[in-house]
Amino acid sequence: MRAAFIDRTGPPEVIRCGALPEPVIGPGQALVRVRACAVNPIDTYVRSGAVAMPLPSPFVVGCDLAGEVVAVADDVAGLRPGTRVWGSNQGLLGRQGTFSEWAAVDARWLVPTPDGVPDREAAAVALVGITAHLGLVTHAALRAGETLLVNGASGGVGSTVVQMAKILGARVIGTAGASAKRDLVRGLGADEVVDYRAADADARIRAAAPGGVDVWWETQREPDLARAVDLLAPGGRLVLMAGREARPLFPLGPFYVKGCRAVGFAMFNAASTVQYAAGLDIARWLAAGRLRAPIDRVLPLEATAEAHALQEAATIGRQGVLTGKIVIEP
C-alpha cells in the first residue's frame, strides 16, 4: 500500500511517501480503507520528536481518518464490511498512523459516519471535535446561557469550540487576528468577535461580558493567564489544551479569591468510552448540518511533508498561513 511514513524523527523532510506492507488486523480491530485524513499540530510534534512517544519503524504519520471498513476481527461487534467510519487516536502511544491507503484500527476508536457527511469533513473534525467536546462537556460542563470566550477562535480546535458552544446554547466571544479570520469566526456563529491585537481588546471583552466570562478556552501556546483570570467571572472555568513547554506565571491570588477552576487535558488520554460518546454527538451534529470543519486545502498523500511544514508555520511560526484544516486524500 502507499503510505506517508518516517524512519526517524526530524523536520518535515524526513517524511517519505512509498510502499509499505498492508496492515494485518488483530483482535478487536477493523481494517479501514482510508479515504481522507487530516493534519493536526500533534502530528508534527510526534514526527519531529518534540513529543517523545514509542514509534514503530517505519512509522506512518497522522491521527485522524475517515473511510470504509473492509474487514473486522472475529471479536468485533457493531461494525461490518461496508460501514463508513471516522475516528482519531492513531499515530499516538505506539499505534500506527493513518496517512496510508489502509489502516488497522481498534474498533473502539471508530464512529459510524452518517449518510451525507463527506469523508473529508469527518476526517477534518475528528481530533478537534473530540477535543472540543471533552473540554466543553466533560471538563467545563458548559451550560446554556453562559458566556464562553475562545482565545484563538479561528484555528482548528477554536473554530470547532465556537460552533459546539453555540449548539450547547452558550453565548460566544471569539478572538482572532486578521480580518478574514475574524469573518470566519463570525460566520461560525460567534456573538462577538474581537481583534486580539487591538489596544482596546480587553475593554471590548468586558463590554461584551460585563459580569466576566464563565468559561475561557485558551488555545495559545504561550497563554497570558493573568489576563484570562482577570476577565473570568466569579466561579469561572479556565480550559487549557496547548503549550506543552509553556511555564507562564499563574495569578494564584485572584484565581482562588474568585473561586475559579482550571483544567488541562490532552484528548488522547481520555477513555475510549468517553471519546465514543463524544463521537456520537459530533456525528449527529454533522448530519444535521450544525457542525462543520473549516478546510483550508485538500492535498494528495505525496504532499504530506508540505502539509506538515504548513502546519508548523501556522502553529509554531504563527504565520497565519492556514484558515482551516489540511486534509490528505490517499
C-alpha atoms as a PDB file:
ATOM      1  CA  MET A   1       0.000   0.000   0.000  1.00  0.00           C
ATOM      2  CA  ARG A   2       1.031   3.648  -0.388  1.00  0.00           C
ATOM      3  CA  ALA A   3       1.793   5.456   2.854  1.00  0.00           C
ATOM      4  CA  ALA A   4       3.471   8.572   4.240  1.00  0.00           C
ATOM      5  CA  PHE A   5       5.954   7.436   6.867  1.00  0.00           C
ATOM      6  CA  ILE A   6       9.202   8.155   8.683  1.00  0.00           C
ATOM      7  CA  ASP A   7      12.178   6.010   9.712  1.00  0.00           C
ATOM      8  CA  ARG A   8      13.436   8.616  12.183  1.00  0.00           C
ATOM      9  CA  THR A   9      12.152  11.776  13.807  1.00  0.00           C
ATOM     10  CA  GLY A  10      13.142  15.130  12.378  1.00  0.00           C
ATOM     11  CA  PRO A  11      11.943  18.010  10.181  1.00  0.00           C
ATOM     12  CA  PRO A  12       9.121  17.609   7.631  1.00  0.00           C
ATOM     13  CA  GLU A  13      11.642  16.433   5.057  1.00  0.00           C
ATOM     14  CA  VAL A  14      12.069  13.096   6.866  1.00  0.00           C
ATOM     15  CA  ILE A  15       8.570  12.104   5.687  1.00  0.00           C
ATOM     16  CA  ARG A  16       8.688   9.688   2.780  1.00  0.00           C
ATOM     17  CA  CYS A  17       5.832   8.524   0.587  1.00  0.00           C
ATOM     18  CA  GLY A  18       6.172   4.983  -0.701  1.00  0.00           C
ATOM     19  CA  ALA A  19       5.046   1.379  -0.490  1.00  0.00           C
ATOM     20  CA  LEU A  20       4.582  -0.457   2.814  1.00  0.00           C
ATOM     21  CA  PRO A  21       3.018  -3.865   3.521  1.00  0.00           C
ATOM     22  CA  GLU A  22      -0.740  -3.772   4.065  1.00  0.00           C
ATOM     23  CA  PRO A  23      -1.581  -3.967   7.793  1.00  0.00           C
ATOM     24  CA  VAL A  24      -2.980  -7.167   9.294  1.00  0.00           C
ATOM     25  CA  ILE A  25      -5.786  -6.743  11.818  1.00  0.00           C
ATOM     26  CA  GLY A  26      -5.538  -8.222  15.281  1.00  0.00           C
ATOM     27  CA  PRO A  27      -8.146  -8.899  17.976  1.00  0.00           C
ATOM     28  CA  GLY A  28     -10.599  -6.052  18.420  1.00  0.00           C
ATOM     29  CA  GLN A  29      -9.556  -4.329  15.205  1.00  0.00           C
ATOM     30  CA  ALA A  30     -11.053  -3.280  11.895  1.00  0.00           C
ATOM     31  CA  LEU A  31      -9.267  -2.800   8.591  1.00  0.00           C
ATOM     32  CA  VAL A  32     -10.236   0.568   7.123  1.00  0.00           C
ATOM     33  CA  ARG A  33      -9.777   1.753   3.560  1.00  0.00           C
ATOM     34  CA  VAL A  34      -8.687   5.317   4.265  1.00  0.00           C
ATOM     35  CA  ARG A  35     -10.444   7.906   2.111  1.00  0.00           C
ATOM     36  CA  ALA A  36      -9.347  11.028   3.985  1.00  0.00           C
ATOM     37  CA  CYS A  37      -7.124  12.023   6.886  1.00  0.00           C
ATOM     38  CA  ALA A  38      -6.267  15.376   8.459  1.00  0.00           C
ATOM     39  CA  VAL A  39      -3.169  17.099   9.814  1.00  0.00           C
ATOM     40  CA  ASN A  40      -3.029  18.199  13.460  1.00  0.00           C
ATOM     41  CA  PRO A  41      -0.307  20.019  15.419  1.00  0.00           C
ATOM     42  CA  ILE A  42       0.314  16.860  17.497  1.00  0.00           C
ATOM     43  CA  ASP A  43       1.248  15.040  14.270  1.00  0.00           C
ATOM     44  CA  THR A  44       4.122  17.462  13.728  1.00  0.00           C
ATOM     45  CA  TYR A  45       5.273  17.208  17.360  1.00  0.00           C
ATOM     46  CA  VAL A  46       5.423  13.399  17.181  1.00  0.00           C
ATOM     47  CA  ARG A  47       7.162  13.459  13.791  1.00  0.00           C
ATOM     48  CA  SER A  48       9.766  15.979  14.959  1.00  0.00           C
ATOM     49  CA  GLY A  49      10.446  14.182  18.231  1.00  0.00           C
ATOM     50  CA  ALA A  50       9.287  17.185  20.276  1.00  0.00           C
ATOM     51  CA  VAL A  51       6.754  14.866  21.927  1.00  0.00           C
ATOM     52  CA  ALA A  52       8.507  11.604  22.668  1.00  0.00           C
ATOM     53  CA  MET A  53       6.350   8.544  22.073  1.00  0.00           C
ATOM     54  CA  PRO A  54       7.123   4.915  21.212  1.00  0.00           C
ATOM     55  CA  LEU A  55       7.165   4.657  17.427  1.00  0.00           C
ATOM     56  CA  PRO A  56       7.071   1.524  15.290  1.00  0.00           C
ATOM     57  CA  SER A  57       9.533   1.558  12.405  1.00  0.00           C
ATOM     58  CA  PRO A  58       8.630   2.545   9.802  1.00  0.00           C
ATOM     59  CA  PHE A  59       6.059   4.826  11.389  1.00  0.00           C
ATOM     60  CA  VAL A  60       3.011   6.007   9.438  1.00  0.00           C
ATOM     61  CA  VAL A  61       2.203   9.588  10.470  1.00  0.00           C
ATOM     62  CA  GLY A  62      -1.198  11.006  11.400  1.00  0.00           C
ATOM     63  CA  CYS A  63      -4.029  10.653  13.946  1.00  0.00           C
ATOM     64  CA  ASP A  64      -7.303  11.210  12.083  1.00  0.00           C
ATOM     65  CA  LEU A  65      -9.053   9.173   9.414  1.00  0.00           C
ATOM     66  CA  ALA A  66     -12.317   8.554   7.634  1.00  0.00           C
ATOM     67  CA  GLY A  67     -13.082   5.733   5.255  1.00  0.00           C
ATOM     68  CA  GLU A  68     -14.778   2.379   4.878  1.00  0.00           C
ATOM     69  CA  VAL A  69     -14.445  -0.845   6.861  1.00  0.00           C
ATOM     70  CA  VAL A  70     -13.275  -3.721   4.668  1.00  0.00           C
ATOM     71  CA  ALA A  71     -12.717  -6.393   7.336  1.00  0.00           C
ATOM     72  CA  VAL A  72     -13.194  -6.913  11.079  1.00  0.00           C
ATOM     73  CA  ALA A  73     -11.741  -9.311  13.616  1.00  0.00           C
ATOM     74  CA  ASP A  74     -13.988 -12.121  14.842  1.00  0.00           C
ATOM     75  CA  ASP A  75     -14.456 -10.450  18.230  1.00  0.00           C
ATOM     76  CA  VAL A  76     -15.647  -7.096  16.825  1.00  0.00           C
ATOM     77  CA  ALA A  77     -19.352  -6.330  17.127  1.00  0.00           C
ATOM     78  CA  GLY A  78     -21.203  -3.371  15.675  1.00  0.00           C
ATOM     79  CA  LEU A  79     -19.028  -2.908  12.604  1.00  0.00           C
ATOM     80  CA  ARG A  80     -19.129  -4.830   9.348  1.00  0.00           C
ATOM     81  CA  PRO A  81     -17.516  -4.531   5.925  1.00  0.00           C
ATOM     82  CA  GLY A  82     -19.005  -1.609   4.052  1.00  0.00           C
ATOM     83  CA  THR A  83     -19.610   0.545   7.147  1.00  0.00           C
ATOM     84  CA  ARG A  84     -18.322   4.087   6.732  1.00  0.00           C
ATOM     85  CA  VAL A  85     -16.387   5.230   9.799  1.00  0.00           C
ATOM     86  CA  TRP A  86     -14.283   8.059  11.154  1.00  0.00           C
ATOM     87  CA  GLY A  87     -12.035   8.416  14.162  1.00  0.00           C
ATOM     88  CA  SER A  88      -8.822   9.650  15.741  1.00  0.00           C
ATOM     89  CA  ASN A  89      -6.244   8.357  18.258  1.00  0.00           C
ATOM     90  CA  GLN A  90      -3.953   6.693  15.729  1.00  0.00           C
ATOM     91  CA  GLY A  91      -0.288   7.658  15.442  1.00  0.00           C
ATOM     92  CA  LEU A  92      -0.052   8.002  19.236  1.00  0.00           C
ATOM     93  CA  LEU A  93       1.239   5.887  22.126  1.00  0.00           C
ATOM     94  CA  GLY A  94       2.809   3.315  19.796  1.00  0.00           C
ATOM     95  CA  ARG A  95      -0.128   2.987  17.388  1.00  0.00           C
ATOM     96  CA  GLN A  96       0.448   3.280  13.654  1.00  0.00           C
ATOM     97  CA  GLY A  97      -0.890   6.383  11.966  1.00  0.00           C
ATOM     98  CA  THR A  98      -3.442   6.993   9.258  1.00  0.00           C
ATOM     99  CA  PHE A  99      -1.701   8.568   6.249  1.00  0.00           C
ATOM    100  CA  SER A 100      -1.934   5.418   4.170  1.00  0.00           C
ATOM    101  CA  GLU A 101      -4.335   3.574   1.914  1.00  0.00           C
ATOM    102  CA  TRP A 102      -5.240   1.094   4.655  1.00  0.00           C
ATOM    103  CA  ALA A 103      -5.214   1.253   8.447  1.00  0.00           C
ATOM    104  CA  ALA A 104      -5.732  -1.373  11.143  1.00  0.00           C
ATOM    105  CA  VAL A 105      -7.638   0.407  13.911  1.00  0.00           C
ATOM    106  CA  ASP A 106      -9.034  -0.717  17.260  1.00  0.00           C
ATOM    107  CA  ALA A 107     -12.796  -0.728  16.724  1.00  0.00           C
ATOM    108  CA  ARG A 108     -13.333   1.208  19.977  1.00  0.00           C
ATOM    109  CA  TRP A 109     -11.921   4.328  18.309  1.00  0.00           C
ATOM    110  CA  LEU A 110     -14.224   4.192  15.259  1.00  0.00           C
ATOM    111  CA  VAL A 111     -17.559   6.017  14.958  1.00  0.00           C
ATOM    112  CA  PRO A 112     -20.045   5.363  12.125  1.00  0.00           C
ATOM    113  CA  THR A 113     -20.121   8.190   9.573  1.00  0.00           C
ATOM    114  CA  PRO A 114     -23.654   9.498   8.940  1.00  0.00           C
ATOM    115  CA  ASP A 115     -25.070   9.351   5.434  1.00  0.00           C
ATOM    116  CA  GLY A 116     -24.448  12.565   3.559  1.00  0.00           C
ATOM    117  CA  VAL A 117     -21.324  13.528   5.525  1.00  0.00           C
ATOM    118  CA  PRO A 118     -18.258  13.539   3.220  1.00  0.00           C
ATOM    119  CA  ASP A 119     -15.183  11.623   4.358  1.00  0.00           C
ATOM    120  CA  ARG A 120     -13.017  14.737   4.185  1.00  0.00           C
ATOM    121  CA  GLU A 121     -15.408  16.537   6.558  1.00  0.00           C
ATOM    122  CA  ALA A 122     -15.471  13.626   9.012  1.00  0.00           C
ATOM    123  CA  ALA A 123     -11.677  13.342   8.995  1.00  0.00           C
ATOM    124  CA  ALA A 124     -11.193  17.083   9.448  1.00  0.00           C
ATOM    125  CA  VAL A 125     -13.444  17.222  12.511  1.00  0.00           C
ATOM    126  CA  ALA A 126     -12.097  14.109  14.271  1.00  0.00           C
ATOM    127  CA  LEU A 127      -9.407  15.192  16.734  1.00  0.00           C
ATOM    128  CA  VAL A 128     -10.566  18.797  17.024  1.00  0.00           C
ATOM    129  CA  GLY A 129     -14.187  17.742  17.519  1.00  0.00           C
ATOM    130  CA  ILE A 130     -13.431  15.229  20.246  1.00  0.00           C
ATOM    131  CA  THR A 131     -11.125  17.758  21.928  1.00  0.00           C
ATOM    132  CA  ALA A 132     -13.815  20.451  21.855  1.00  0.00           C
ATOM    133  CA  HIS A 133     -16.443  18.079  23.244  1.00  0.00           C
ATOM    134  CA  LEU A 134     -14.201  16.870  26.064  1.00  0.00           C
ATOM    135  CA  GLY A 135     -13.332  20.429  27.055  1.00  0.00           C
ATOM    136  CA  LEU A 136     -16.835  21.875  26.876  1.00  0.00           C
ATOM    137  CA  VAL A 137     -18.959  18.958  28.096  1.00  0.00           C
ATOM    138  CA  THR A 138     -16.726  16.708  30.211  1.00  0.00           C
ATOM    139  CA  HIS A 139     -14.437  19.286  31.831  1.00  0.00           C
ATOM    140  CA  ALA A 140     -16.053  22.748  31.742  1.00  0.00           C
ATOM    141  CA  ALA A 141     -19.665  21.489  31.949  1.00  0.00           C
ATOM    142  CA  LEU A 142     -20.744  24.451  29.813  1.00  0.00           C
ATOM    143  CA  ARG A 143     -24.390  25.373  30.398  1.00  0.00           C
ATOM    144  CA  ALA A 144     -26.898  27.080  28.143  1.00  0.00           C
ATOM    145  CA  GLY A 145     -26.914  30.825  28.727  1.00  0.00           C
ATOM    146  CA  GLU A 146     -23.297  31.019  29.910  1.00  0.00           C
ATOM    147  CA  THR A 147     -20.661  33.121  28.143  1.00  0.00           C
ATOM    148  CA  LEU A 148     -17.661  31.383  26.629  1.00  0.00           C
ATOM    149  CA  LEU A 149     -14.565  33.130  25.288  1.00  0.00           C
ATOM    150  CA  VAL A 150     -12.353  31.302  22.793  1.00  0.00           C
ATOM    151  CA  ASN A 151      -8.909  32.894  22.669  1.00  0.00           C
ATOM    152  CA  GLY A 152      -7.779  31.917  19.170  1.00  0.00           C
ATOM    153  CA  ALA A 153     -11.157  31.114  17.668  1.00  0.00           C
ATOM    154  CA  SER A 154     -10.154  30.684  14.020  1.00  0.00           C
ATOM    155  CA  GLY A 155      -7.889  27.648  14.469  1.00  0.00           C
ATOM    156  CA  GLY A 156      -8.843  24.004  14.121  1.00  0.00           C
ATOM    157  CA  VAL A 157      -9.890  23.493  17.729  1.00  0.00           C
ATOM    158  CA  GLY A 158     -11.041  27.071  18.304  1.00  0.00           C
ATOM    159  CA  SER A 159     -13.413  27.112  15.337  1.00  0.00           C
ATOM    160  CA  THR A 160     -14.929  23.832  16.493  1.00  0.00           C
ATOM    161  CA  VAL A 161     -15.333  25.101  20.056  1.00  0.00           C
ATOM    162  CA  VAL A 162     -17.218  28.165  18.761  1.00  0.00           C
ATOM    163  CA  GLN A 163     -19.737  26.013  16.883  1.00  0.00           C
ATOM    164  CA  MET A 164     -20.146  23.430  19.613  1.00  0.00           C
ATOM    165  CA  ALA A 165     -20.651  26.056  22.301  1.00  0.00           C
ATOM    166  CA  LYS A 166     -23.433  27.614  20.214  1.00  0.00           C
ATOM    167  CA  ILE A 167     -25.039  24.173  19.806  1.00  0.00           C
ATOM    168  CA  LEU A 168     -24.942  23.850  23.612  1.00  0.00           C
ATOM    169  CA  GLY A 169     -26.709  27.181  23.983  1.00  0.00           C
ATOM    170  CA  ALA A 170     -23.855  29.416  25.125  1.00  0.00           C
ATOM    171  CA  ARG A 171     -23.078  32.992  24.162  1.00  0.00           C
ATOM    172  CA  VAL A 172     -19.687  33.036  22.414  1.00  0.00           C
ATOM    173  CA  ILE A 173     -16.938  35.645  22.201  1.00  0.00           C
ATOM    174  CA  GLY A 174     -14.108  34.757  19.841  1.00  0.00           C
ATOM    175  CA  THR A 175     -10.727  36.391  19.348  1.00  0.00           C
ATOM    176  CA  ALA A 176      -8.825  36.328  16.066  1.00  0.00           C
ATOM    177  CA  GLY A 177      -6.301  38.474  14.241  1.00  0.00           C
ATOM    178  CA  ALA A 178      -6.611  39.004  10.501  1.00  0.00           C
ATOM    179  CA  SER A 179      -9.851  40.349   9.085  1.00  0.00           C
ATOM    180  CA  ALA A 180     -10.516  37.162   7.109  1.00  0.00           C
ATOM    181  CA  LYS A 181     -10.130  35.084  10.263  1.00  0.00           C
ATOM    182  CA  ARG A 182     -12.499  37.328  12.187  1.00  0.00           C
ATOM    183  CA  ASP A 183     -15.016  36.952   9.364  1.00  0.00           C
ATOM    184  CA  LEU A 184     -14.625  33.171   9.592  1.00  0.00           C
ATOM    185  CA  VAL A 185     -15.307  33.188  13.337  1.00  0.00           C
ATOM    186  CA  ARG A 186     -18.318  35.443  12.853  1.00  0.00           C
ATOM    187  CA  GLY A 187     -19.617  33.099  10.152  1.00  0.00           C
ATOM    188  CA  LEU A 188     -19.335  30.167  12.546  1.00  0.00           C
ATOM    189  CA  GLY A 189     -21.838  31.828  14.863  1.00  0.00           C
ATOM    190  CA  ALA A 190     -19.790  33.816  17.382  1.00  0.00           C
ATOM    191  CA  ASP A 191     -21.861  36.556  19.008  1.00  0.00           C
ATOM    192  CA  GLU A 192     -18.884  38.893  19.370  1.00  0.00           C
ATOM    193  CA  VAL A 193     -15.524  38.792  17.571  1.00  0.00           C
ATOM    194  CA  VAL A 194     -12.549  40.736  18.934  1.00  0.00           C
ATOM    195  CA  ASP A 195      -9.239  41.500  17.236  1.00  0.00           C
ATOM    196  CA  TYR A 196      -6.785  40.307  19.879  1.00  0.00           C
ATOM    197  CA  ARG A 197      -4.166  42.740  18.535  1.00  0.00           C
ATOM    198  CA  ALA A 198      -6.343  45.793  19.176  1.00  0.00           C
ATOM    199  CA  ALA A 199      -5.423  48.118  22.041  1.00  0.00           C
ATOM    200  CA  ASP A 200      -8.991  48.003  23.332  1.00  0.00           C
ATOM    201  CA  ALA A 201      -9.387  44.190  23.053  1.00  0.00           C
ATOM    202  CA  ASP A 202      -9.886  43.670  26.797  1.00  0.00           C
ATOM    203  CA  ALA A 203     -12.278  46.607  27.024  1.00  0.00           C
ATOM    204  CA  ARG A 204     -14.375  45.089  24.244  1.00  0.00           C
ATOM    205  CA  ILE A 205     -14.451  41.745  26.055  1.00  0.00           C
ATOM    206  CA  ARG A 206     -15.570  43.470  29.268  1.00  0.00           C
ATOM    207  CA  ALA A 207     -18.282  45.322  27.366  1.00  0.00           C
ATOM    208  CA  ALA A 208     -19.490  42.036  25.851  1.00  0.00           C
ATOM    209  CA  ALA A 209     -19.381  40.230  29.217  1.00  0.00           C
ATOM    210  CA  PRO A 210     -19.833  42.832  31.987  1.00  0.00           C
ATOM    211  CA  GLY A 211     -20.027  40.175  34.675  1.00  0.00           C
ATOM    212  CA  GLY A 212     -16.997  38.327  33.358  1.00  0.00           C
ATOM    213  CA  VAL A 213     -16.551  35.272  31.169  1.00  0.00           C
ATOM    214  CA  ASP A 214     -17.924  31.992  32.531  1.00  0.00           C
ATOM    215  CA  VAL A 215     -15.559  29.765  30.522  1.00  0.00           C
ATOM    216  CA  TRP A 216     -12.258  30.899  28.984  1.00  0.00           C
ATOM    217  CA  TRP A 217     -10.952  28.450  26.384  1.00  0.00           C
ATOM    218  CA  GLU A 218      -7.247  29.029  25.765  1.00  0.00           C
ATOM    219  CA  THR A 219      -5.711  27.763  22.515  1.00  0.00           C
ATOM    220  CA  GLN A 220      -2.445  29.716  22.558  1.00  0.00           C
ATOM    221  CA  ARG A 221       0.900  28.042  23.171  1.00  0.00           C
ATOM    222  CA  GLU A 222       2.081  30.853  25.490  1.00  0.00           C
ATOM    223  CA  PRO A 223      -1.053  31.868  27.407  1.00  0.00           C
ATOM    224  CA  ASP A 224      -1.376  35.044  29.443  1.00  0.00           C
ATOM    225  CA  LEU A 225      -3.102  33.507  32.455  1.00  0.00           C
ATOM    226  CA  ALA A 226      -3.168  36.760  34.428  1.00  0.00           C
ATOM    227  CA  ARG A 227      -5.264  38.307  31.669  1.00  0.00           C
ATOM    228  CA  ALA A 228      -7.540  35.282  31.443  1.00  0.00           C
ATOM    229  CA  VAL A 229      -8.207  35.137  35.186  1.00  0.00           C
ATOM    230  CA  ASP A 230      -8.782  38.886  35.297  1.00  0.00           C
ATOM    231  CA  LEU A 231     -11.524  38.550  32.669  1.00  0.00           C
ATOM    232  CA  LEU A 232     -13.135  35.449  34.197  1.00  0.00           C
ATOM    233  CA  ALA A 233     -16.370  35.739  36.133  1.00  0.00           C
ATOM    234  CA  PRO A 234     -16.554  34.599  39.759  1.00  0.00           C
ATOM    235  CA  GLY A 235     -16.704  30.805  39.621  1.00  0.00           C
ATOM    236  CA  GLY A 236     -15.376  30.859  36.070  1.00  0.00           C
ATOM    237  CA  ARG A 237     -13.565  27.954  34.434  1.00  0.00           C
ATOM    238  CA  LEU A 238     -10.291  28.061  32.520  1.00  0.00           C
ATOM    239  CA  VAL A 239      -9.706  25.365  29.878  1.00  0.00           C
ATOM    240  CA  LEU A 240      -6.110  24.748  28.767  1.00  0.00           C
ATOM    241  CA  MET A 241      -5.200  22.410  25.887  1.00  0.00           C
ATOM    242  CA  ALA A 242      -1.960  23.808  24.437  1.00  0.00           C
ATOM    243  CA  GLY A 243       1.513  24.989  25.416  1.00  0.00           C
ATOM    244  CA  ARG A 244       3.460  21.881  26.399  1.00  0.00           C
ATOM    245  CA  GLU A 245       6.625  23.844  27.058  1.00  0.00           C
ATOM    246  CA  ALA A 246       4.889  26.950  28.431  1.00  0.00           C
ATOM    247  CA  ARG A 247       5.625  27.971  32.013  1.00  0.00           C
ATOM    248  CA  PRO A 248       3.518  31.128  32.451  1.00  0.00           C
ATOM    249  CA  LEU A 249       3.083  32.981  35.705  1.00  0.00           C
ATOM    250  CA  PHE A 250      -0.107  31.936  37.448  1.00  0.00           C
ATOM    251  CA  PRO A 251      -2.196  34.576  39.301  1.00  0.00           C
ATOM    252  CA  LEU A 252      -2.963  32.431  42.318  1.00  0.00           C
ATOM    253  CA  GLY A 253      -4.476  35.141  44.486  1.00  0.00           C
ATOM    254  CA  PRO A 254      -7.125  36.452  42.060  1.00  0.00           C
ATOM    255  CA  PHE A 255      -7.817  32.892  40.923  1.00  0.00           C
ATOM    256  CA  TYR A 256      -8.768  31.452  44.294  1.00  0.00           C
ATOM    257  CA  VAL A 257     -10.462  34.586  45.579  1.00  0.00           C
ATOM    258  CA  LYS A 258     -12.801  34.435  42.562  1.00  0.00           C
ATOM    259  CA  GLY A 259     -13.430  30.733  43.187  1.00  0.00           C
ATOM    260  CA  CYS A 260     -12.298  29.793  39.688  1.00  0.00           C
ATOM    261  CA  ARG A 261     -11.327  26.381  38.350  1.00  0.00           C
ATOM    262  CA  ALA A 262      -8.752  25.355  35.746  1.00  0.00           C
ATOM    263  CA  VAL A 263      -8.414  22.156  33.785  1.00  0.00           C
ATOM    264  CA  GLY A 264      -5.756  20.970  31.401  1.00  0.00           C
ATOM    265  CA  PHE A 265      -6.213  17.902  29.249  1.00  0.00           C
ATOM    266  CA  ALA A 266      -4.916  16.018  26.220  1.00  0.00           C
ATOM    267  CA  MET A 267      -7.569  14.329  24.112  1.00  0.00           C
ATOM    268  CA  PHE A 268      -5.710  11.050  23.692  1.00  0.00           C
ATOM    269  CA  ASN A 269      -5.642  10.458  27.456  1.00  0.00           C
ATOM    270  CA  ALA A 270      -9.438  10.207  27.636  1.00  0.00           C
ATOM    271  CA  ALA A 271     -11.056   6.770  27.889  1.00  0.00           C
ATOM    272  CA  SER A 272     -12.358   5.304  24.651  1.00  0.00           C
ATOM    273  CA  THR A 273     -15.901   5.146  26.080  1.00  0.00           C
ATOM    274  CA  VAL A 274     -15.868   8.894  26.768  1.00  0.00           C
ATOM    275  CA  GLN A 275     -14.456   9.642  23.329  1.00  0.00           C
ATOM    276  CA  TYR A 276     -17.009   7.393  21.634  1.00  0.00           C
ATOM    277  CA  ALA A 277     -19.864   9.180  23.398  1.00  0.00           C
ATOM    278  CA  ALA A 278     -18.408  12.479  22.174  1.00  0.00           C
ATOM    279  CA  GLY A 279     -18.161  10.999  18.691  1.00  0.00           C
ATOM    280  CA  LEU A 280     -21.840  10.108  18.622  1.00  0.00           C
ATOM    281  CA  ASP A 281     -22.802  13.708  19.427  1.00  0.00           C
ATOM    282  CA  ILE A 282     -20.386  15.004  16.800  1.00  0.00           C
ATOM    283  CA  ALA A 283     -21.742  12.627  14.151  1.00  0.00           C
ATOM    284  CA  ARG A 284     -25.303  13.709  14.942  1.00  0.00           C
ATOM    285  CA  TRP A 285     -24.395  17.405  14.660  1.00  0.00           C
ATOM    286  CA  LEU A 286     -22.515  16.804  11.398  1.00  0.00           C
ATOM    287  CA  ALA A 287     -25.511  15.011   9.921  1.00  0.00           C
ATOM    288  CA  ALA A 288     -27.812  17.859  10.948  1.00  0.00           C
ATOM    289  CA  GLY A 289     -25.520  20.459   9.386  1.00  0.00           C
ATOM    290  CA  ARG A 290     -24.970  22.149  12.754  1.00  0.00           C
ATOM    291  CA  LEU A 291     -21.229  21.424  12.889  1.00  0.00           C
ATOM    292  CA  ARG A 292     -18.622  21.683  10.164  1.00  0.00           C
ATOM    293  CA  ALA A 293     -14.863  21.620   9.940  1.00  0.00           C
ATOM    294  CA  PRO A 294     -13.370  24.562   8.027  1.00  0.00           C
ATOM    295  CA  ILE A 295     -10.974  23.050   5.480  1.00  0.00           C
ATOM    296  CA  ASP A 296      -8.145  25.208   4.166  1.00  0.00           C
ATOM    297  CA  ARG A 297      -6.965  22.808   1.472  1.00  0.00           C
ATOM    298  CA  VAL A 298      -7.044  19.187   0.288  1.00  0.00           C
ATOM    299  CA  LEU A 299      -3.741  17.612  -0.764  1.00  0.00           C
ATOM    300  CA  PRO A 300      -2.595  14.222  -2.087  1.00  0.00           C
ATOM    301  CA  LEU A 301      -0.640  11.769   0.041  1.00  0.00           C
ATOM    302  CA  GLU A 302       2.576  12.758  -1.725  1.00  0.00           C
ATOM    303  CA  ALA A 303       2.250  16.279  -0.280  1.00  0.00           C
ATOM    304  CA  THR A 304       2.322  15.148   3.372  1.00  0.00           C
ATOM    305  CA  ALA A 305       5.729  16.739   4.050  1.00  0.00           C
ATOM    306  CA  GLU A 306       4.446  20.013   2.588  1.00  0.00           C
ATOM    307  CA  ALA A 307       1.344  19.741   4.786  1.00  0.00           C
ATOM    308  CA  HIS A 308       3.476  19.268   7.910  1.00  0.00           C
ATOM    309  CA  ALA A 309       5.592  22.289   7.015  1.00  0.00           C
ATOM    310  CA  LEU A 310       2.455  24.408   6.579  1.00  0.00           C
ATOM    311  CA  GLN A 311       1.032  23.211   9.891  1.00  0.00           C
ATOM    312  CA  GLU A 312       4.270  24.055  11.694  1.00  0.00           C
ATOM    313  CA  ALA A 313       4.346  27.508  10.097  1.00  0.00           C
ATOM    314  CA  ALA A 314       0.816  28.098  11.380  1.00  0.00           C
ATOM    315  CA  THR A 315       1.175  26.553  14.850  1.00  0.00           C
ATOM    316  CA  ILE A 316       4.766  27.277  15.834  1.00  0.00           C
ATOM    317  CA  GLY A 317       5.628  30.115  13.459  1.00  0.00           C
ATOM    318  CA  ARG A 318       2.209  31.780  13.911  1.00  0.00           C
ATOM    319  CA  GLN A 319       2.420  32.923  10.295  1.00  0.00           C
ATOM    320  CA  GLY A 320      -1.307  32.856   9.592  1.00  0.00           C
ATOM    321  CA  VAL A 321      -0.911  30.580   6.567  1.00  0.00           C
ATOM    322  CA  LEU A 322      -3.989  28.464   7.341  1.00  0.00           C
ATOM    323  CA  THR A 323      -7.654  29.261   7.868  1.00  0.00           C
ATOM    324  CA  GLY A 324      -8.794  25.691   8.406  1.00  0.00           C
ATOM    325  CA  LYS A 325      -7.659  22.103   8.375  1.00  0.00           C
ATOM    326  CA  ILE A 326      -5.350  20.424   5.873  1.00  0.00           C
ATOM    327  CA  VAL A 327      -6.954  17.232   4.573  1.00  0.00           C
ATOM    328  CA  ILE A 328      -4.957  14.496   2.842  1.00  0.00           C
ATOM    329  CA  GLU A 329      -6.675  12.061   0.499  1.00  0.00           C
ATOM    330  CA  PRO A 330      -4.565   8.909  -0.090  1.00  0.00           C
END
